[in-house]
């Protein structure tokens, strides 16, 4: 997020501060190591997992949150498994404790903070026609269900178009898209056809990796449809709107500090 989609990270902070919460950023954190684990490099992933655990043990906080279903799935499910497979019982227990306190953004908003009406509780306003792609990690590992979708439905001014075959994978899958490029491209083609068929201005979702893959396909087709993380839609307000223009995302105004 900090390298590729900082606007999504800023939107996440803005949402949480709008609700009255203090947000801190553990300086020692780095990649969660999902790419290592998904490729079978458990031994190489072990120090990455250890670094994440150490970084999130260093600060006092109530919960950890990320606007990324895939990263949260890795922290909650893969980190203890990697430590266990590598024979480090102590790290396994510590990783499980960190994972227990870690939430994907919609999980935190709905399950912990009780946000059910984004317009009323967050001031969310986004007068565009959108469609929604649920990520595989969010659906299958985190069991998010309709949390993200329900939050989007409650945004003021929004028009939500159902995405045909929405639960079909977009074809990214991290290193899968590089190791199986032809299959990945065919899956992406199916996804972009369905997105364009909705007549939506943009496709949203909860994983930047999926949105990067989908956005690349839409851009190469010169479809005029772009992508935007659902956190940026929730952070958009009538007074401080997120603007959509073709393949370009522009977030105007200032976010809370």
Protein backbone atom coordinates (compact mmCIF):
# COMPACT_ATOMS: atom_id res chain seq x y z
CA UNK A 1 0.00 0.00 0.00
CA UNK A 2 2.66 2.54 0.96
CA UNK A 3 4.59 1.95 -2.26
CA UNK A 4 1.82 1.49 -4.85
CA UNK A 5 -1.48 2.78 -3.41
CA UNK A 6 -0.76 5.30 -0.64
CA UNK A 7 -4.14 6.95 -1.27
CA UNK A 8 -5.81 3.76 0.01
CA UNK A 9 -3.71 3.79 3.18
CA UNK A 10 -4.54 7.47 3.76
CA UNK A 11 -8.23 6.76 3.20
CA UNK A 12 -8.11 3.98 5.80
CA UNK A 13 -6.57 6.34 8.35
CA UNK A 14 -9.12 9.04 7.49
CA UNK A 15 -12.04 6.63 8.06
CA UNK A 16 -10.74 5.44 11.42
CA UNK A 17 -9.89 8.93 12.66
CA UNK A 18 -13.32 10.14 11.53
CA UNK A 19 -14.72 7.55 13.94
CA UNK A 20 -12.56 8.95 16.74
CA UNK A 21 -9.77 6.36 16.86
CA UNK A 22 -6.04 6.95 17.14
CA UNK A 23 -4.01 5.27 14.39
CA UNK A 24 -0.34 4.35 14.81
CA UNK A 25 2.02 2.83 12.26
CA UNK A 26 4.61 0.34 13.58
CA UNK A 27 7.80 1.54 11.90
CA UNK A 28 9.45 -1.87 11.79
CA UNK A 29 6.86 -3.56 9.61
CA UNK A 30 7.62 -4.70 6.06
CA UNK A 31 6.10 -7.25 3.68
CA UNK A 32 3.94 -9.93 5.31
CA UNK A 33 5.75 -12.63 3.30
CA UNK A 34 2.74 -13.97 1.44
CA UNK A 35 4.67 -14.22 -1.84
CA UNK A 36 7.29 -16.46 -0.21
CA UNK A 37 4.68 -18.71 1.37
CA UNK A 38 2.49 -19.03 -1.74
CA UNK A 39 5.56 -20.13 -3.69
CA UNK A 40 6.53 -22.73 -1.08
CA UNK A 41 9.57 -20.93 0.37
CA UNK A 42 8.71 -21.50 4.01
CA UNK A 43 12.29 -21.34 5.29
CA UNK A 44 12.86 -18.03 3.51
CA UNK A 45 9.54 -16.72 4.83
CA UNK A 46 10.43 -17.42 8.47
CA UNK A 47 12.50 -14.23 9.08
CA UNK A 48 9.83 -12.17 7.30
CA UNK A 49 7.18 -13.60 9.62
CA UNK A 50 9.45 -13.00 12.64
CA UNK A 51 9.94 -9.38 11.59
CA UNK A 52 6.18 -8.82 11.30
CA UNK A 53 5.55 -10.34 14.72
CA UNK A 54 8.31 -8.29 16.32
CA UNK A 55 7.05 -5.07 14.72
CA UNK A 56 3.50 -5.59 15.94
CA UNK A 57 4.59 -6.62 19.42
CA UNK A 58 6.56 -3.39 19.83
CA UNK A 59 3.59 -1.00 20.18
CA UNK A 60 0.58 -0.82 22.47
CA UNK A 61 -2.66 -1.07 20.48
CA UNK A 62 -6.09 -2.66 20.67
CA UNK A 63 -6.39 -4.05 17.13
CA UNK A 64 -4.35 -4.09 13.94
CA UNK A 65 -6.05 -3.41 10.62
CA UNK A 66 -5.12 -3.56 6.93
CA UNK A 67 -7.10 -2.65 3.79
CA UNK A 68 -6.00 -5.94 2.22
CA UNK A 69 -7.73 -9.28 2.56
CA UNK A 70 -4.73 -11.18 1.20
CA UNK A 71 -2.26 -9.67 3.68
CA UNK A 72 -4.59 -10.21 6.64
CA UNK A 73 -5.22 -13.80 5.52
CA UNK A 74 -1.46 -14.34 5.46
CA UNK A 75 -0.99 -12.86 8.94
CA UNK A 76 -3.86 -14.85 10.46
CA UNK A 77 -3.46 -18.18 8.67
CA UNK A 78 -0.01 -18.46 7.10
CA UNK A 79 2.24 -16.96 9.77
CA UNK A 80 1.53 -19.51 12.52
CA UNK A 81 1.72 -22.31 9.93
CA UNK A 82 5.15 -21.18 8.68
CA UNK A 83 6.54 -21.04 12.22
CA UNK A 84 5.09 -24.47 12.97
CA UNK A 85 6.50 -26.00 9.77
CA UNK A 86 9.90 -24.56 10.63
CA UNK A 87 9.79 -25.97 14.16
CA UNK A 88 9.59 -22.66 16.05
CA UNK A 89 6.81 -23.18 18.59
CA UNK A 90 7.52 -19.89 20.35
CA UNK A 91 7.16 -17.87 17.16
CA UNK A 92 4.03 -19.84 16.27
CA UNK A 93 2.34 -18.78 19.52
CA UNK A 94 3.44 -15.15 19.10
CA UNK A 95 2.28 -15.08 15.47
CA UNK A 96 -1.10 -16.51 16.47
CA UNK A 97 -1.49 -13.79 19.11
CA UNK A 98 -0.73 -11.04 16.58
CA UNK A 99 -3.05 -12.65 14.04
CA UNK A 100 -5.88 -12.81 16.57
CA UNK A 101 -5.74 -9.01 16.91
CA UNK A 102 -5.52 -8.37 13.15
CA UNK A 103 -8.56 -7.48 11.04
CA UNK A 104 -9.31 -6.72 7.43
CA UNK A 105 -10.85 -3.22 7.18
CA UNK A 106 -14.47 -4.27 6.61
CA UNK A 107 -14.21 -6.83 9.43
CA UNK A 108 -13.07 -4.12 11.82
CA UNK A 109 -15.69 -1.61 10.69
CA UNK A 110 -18.64 -4.02 10.81
CA UNK A 111 -17.77 -6.57 13.50
CA UNK A 112 -15.84 -4.44 15.99
CA UNK A 113 -16.86 -0.81 15.41
CA UNK A 114 -20.49 -1.45 14.47
CA UNK A 115 -20.53 0.51 11.22
CA UNK A 116 -23.58 -0.51 9.18
CA UNK A 117 -24.51 2.75 7.45
CA UNK A 118 -21.54 4.44 5.76
CA UNK A 119 -23.52 7.53 4.76
CA UNK A 120 -24.82 8.15 8.28
CA UNK A 121 -21.79 7.06 10.31
CA UNK A 122 -18.91 8.04 8.03
CA UNK A 123 -20.45 10.71 5.83
CA UNK A 124 -19.59 8.60 2.78
CA UNK A 125 -20.80 10.03 -0.52
CA UNK A 126 -19.83 8.76 -3.98
CA UNK A 127 -22.28 9.54 -6.83
CA UNK A 128 -21.00 7.01 -9.38
CA UNK A 129 -22.10 3.73 -10.90
CA UNK A 130 -19.76 1.03 -9.63
CA UNK A 131 -19.40 -2.73 -9.66
CA UNK A 132 -17.71 -4.86 -7.01
CA UNK A 133 -15.16 -7.68 -7.29
CA UNK A 134 -14.77 -9.86 -4.16
CA UNK A 135 -11.21 -11.14 -3.76
CA UNK A 136 -10.46 -14.83 -3.33
CA UNK A 137 -8.64 -14.38 0.00
CA UNK A 138 -11.49 -12.30 1.38
CA UNK A 139 -14.12 -14.82 0.34
CA UNK A 140 -12.39 -18.11 0.96
CA UNK A 141 -9.93 -17.56 3.80
CA UNK A 142 -11.38 -14.66 5.78
CA UNK A 143 -15.03 -15.50 5.06
CA UNK A 144 -15.90 -11.83 4.68
CA UNK A 145 -19.23 -12.57 3.09
CA UNK A 146 -21.04 -9.36 2.12
CA UNK A 147 -19.33 -7.04 4.61
CA UNK A 148 -17.59 -4.93 1.97
CA UNK A 149 -20.60 -5.04 -0.33
CA UNK A 150 -23.03 -4.01 2.42
CA UNK A 151 -20.83 -1.05 3.35
CA UNK A 152 -20.72 0.04 -0.29
CA UNK A 153 -24.50 -0.26 -0.60
CA UNK A 154 -24.88 2.21 2.27
CA UNK A 155 -22.73 4.94 0.67
CA UNK A 156 -24.70 8.06 -0.25
CA UNK A 157 -25.34 8.66 -3.96
CA UNK A 158 -23.82 5.39 -5.11
CA UNK A 159 -25.28 3.14 -7.82
CA UNK A 160 -24.16 -0.46 -7.49
CA UNK A 161 -24.27 -2.78 -10.51
CA UNK A 162 -24.03 -6.52 -9.83
CA UNK A 163 -20.97 -8.11 -11.43
CA UNK A 164 -21.80 -11.29 -13.40
CA UNK A 165 -19.76 -14.27 -12.15
CA UNK A 166 -18.39 -11.94 -9.50
CA UNK A 167 -16.93 -14.71 -7.36
CA UNK A 168 -14.77 -15.96 -10.23
CA UNK A 169 -11.05 -15.28 -9.63
CA UNK A 170 -9.56 -12.39 -11.60
CA UNK A 171 -6.49 -14.49 -12.41
CA UNK A 172 -3.87 -12.57 -10.45
CA UNK A 173 -3.01 -14.86 -7.55
CA UNK A 174 0.35 -13.19 -6.93
CA UNK A 175 3.10 -15.31 -8.45
CA UNK A 176 0.43 -17.40 -10.23
CA UNK A 177 0.02 -14.63 -12.81
CA UNK A 178 3.73 -14.85 -13.66
CA UNK A 179 4.08 -18.63 -13.58
CA UNK A 180 0.85 -19.21 -15.51
CA UNK A 181 0.61 -16.05 -17.59
CA UNK A 182 -1.62 -17.45 -20.34
CA UNK A 183 -4.19 -18.87 -17.91
CA UNK A 184 -4.06 -15.68 -15.84
CA UNK A 185 -4.65 -13.54 -18.93
CA UNK A 186 -7.63 -15.65 -20.00
CA UNK A 187 -9.19 -15.34 -16.54
CA UNK A 188 -8.58 -11.59 -16.59
CA UNK A 189 -10.25 -11.32 -20.00
CA UNK A 190 -13.39 -12.97 -18.63
CA UNK A 191 -13.37 -10.60 -15.66
CA UNK A 192 -12.97 -7.42 -17.71
CA UNK A 193 -15.72 -8.43 -20.15
CA UNK A 194 -18.11 -8.85 -17.23
CA UNK A 195 -17.02 -5.55 -15.65
CA UNK A 196 -17.50 -3.58 -18.86
CA UNK A 197 -20.88 -5.22 -19.37
CA UNK A 198 -22.21 -3.64 -16.17
CA UNK A 199 -21.84 -0.09 -17.52
CA UNK A 200 -20.00 0.88 -14.34
CA UNK A 201 -17.62 3.84 -14.09
CA UNK A 202 -15.26 1.76 -12.00
CA UNK A 203 -14.65 -1.60 -10.35
CA UNK A 204 -13.98 -1.64 -6.64
CA UNK A 205 -12.82 -4.29 -4.19
CA UNK A 206 -10.81 -4.90 -1.04
CA UNK A 207 -7.44 -6.04 -2.42
CA UNK A 208 -5.03 -3.73 -4.23
CA UNK A 209 -3.40 -6.72 -5.93
CA UNK A 210 -6.64 -7.76 -7.63
CA UNK A 211 -7.45 -4.16 -8.52
CA UNK A 212 -3.98 -3.63 -9.98
CA UNK A 213 -4.40 -6.71 -12.19
CA UNK A 214 -7.93 -5.80 -13.24
CA UNK A 215 -7.03 -2.15 -13.72
CA UNK A 216 -4.16 -3.09 -15.99
CA UNK A 217 -6.46 -5.15 -18.17
CA UNK A 218 -9.09 -2.41 -18.36
CA UNK A 219 -6.46 0.21 -19.20
CA UNK A 220 -4.88 -1.84 -21.99
CA UNK A 221 -8.33 -2.24 -23.51
CA UNK A 222 -8.88 1.53 -23.31
CA UNK A 223 -12.21 0.70 -21.72
CA UNK A 224 -12.58 4.01 -19.89
CA UNK A 225 -13.31 1.99 -16.72
CA UNK A 226 -10.92 2.29 -13.80
CA UNK A 227 -10.49 0.72 -10.36
CA UNK A 228 -10.60 2.09 -6.82
CA UNK A 229 -10.24 0.45 -3.41
CA UNK A 230 -13.46 0.44 -1.38
CA UNK A 231 -11.68 2.33 1.44
CA UNK A 232 -11.34 5.35 -0.85
CA UNK A 233 -15.06 5.21 -1.63
CA UNK A 234 -15.91 5.09 2.08
CA UNK A 235 -13.56 8.01 2.75
CA UNK A 236 -15.18 10.12 0.00
CA UNK A 237 -17.61 12.76 1.23
CA UNK A 238 -19.84 15.39 -0.36
CA UNK A 239 -17.46 18.14 0.78
CA UNK A 240 -14.27 16.22 -0.05
CA UNK A 241 -15.10 13.83 -2.90
CA UNK A 242 -12.97 11.21 -4.60
CA UNK A 243 -13.09 11.93 -8.32
CA UNK A 244 -13.13 9.34 -11.07
CA UNK A 245 -11.94 10.30 -14.57
CA UNK A 246 -11.47 7.47 -17.07
CA UNK A 247 -8.32 5.54 -16.24
CA UNK A 248 -7.10 8.19 -13.80
CA UNK A 249 -7.83 8.27 -10.06
CA UNK A 250 -7.68 11.64 -8.35
CA UNK A 251 -8.42 12.03 -4.66
CA UNK A 252 -9.06 15.69 -3.90
CA UNK A 253 -8.76 17.60 -0.66
CA UNK A 254 -7.05 16.58 2.55
CA UNK A 255 -7.33 13.50 4.72
CA UNK A 256 -7.46 13.60 8.49
CA UNK A 257 -4.22 13.62 10.45
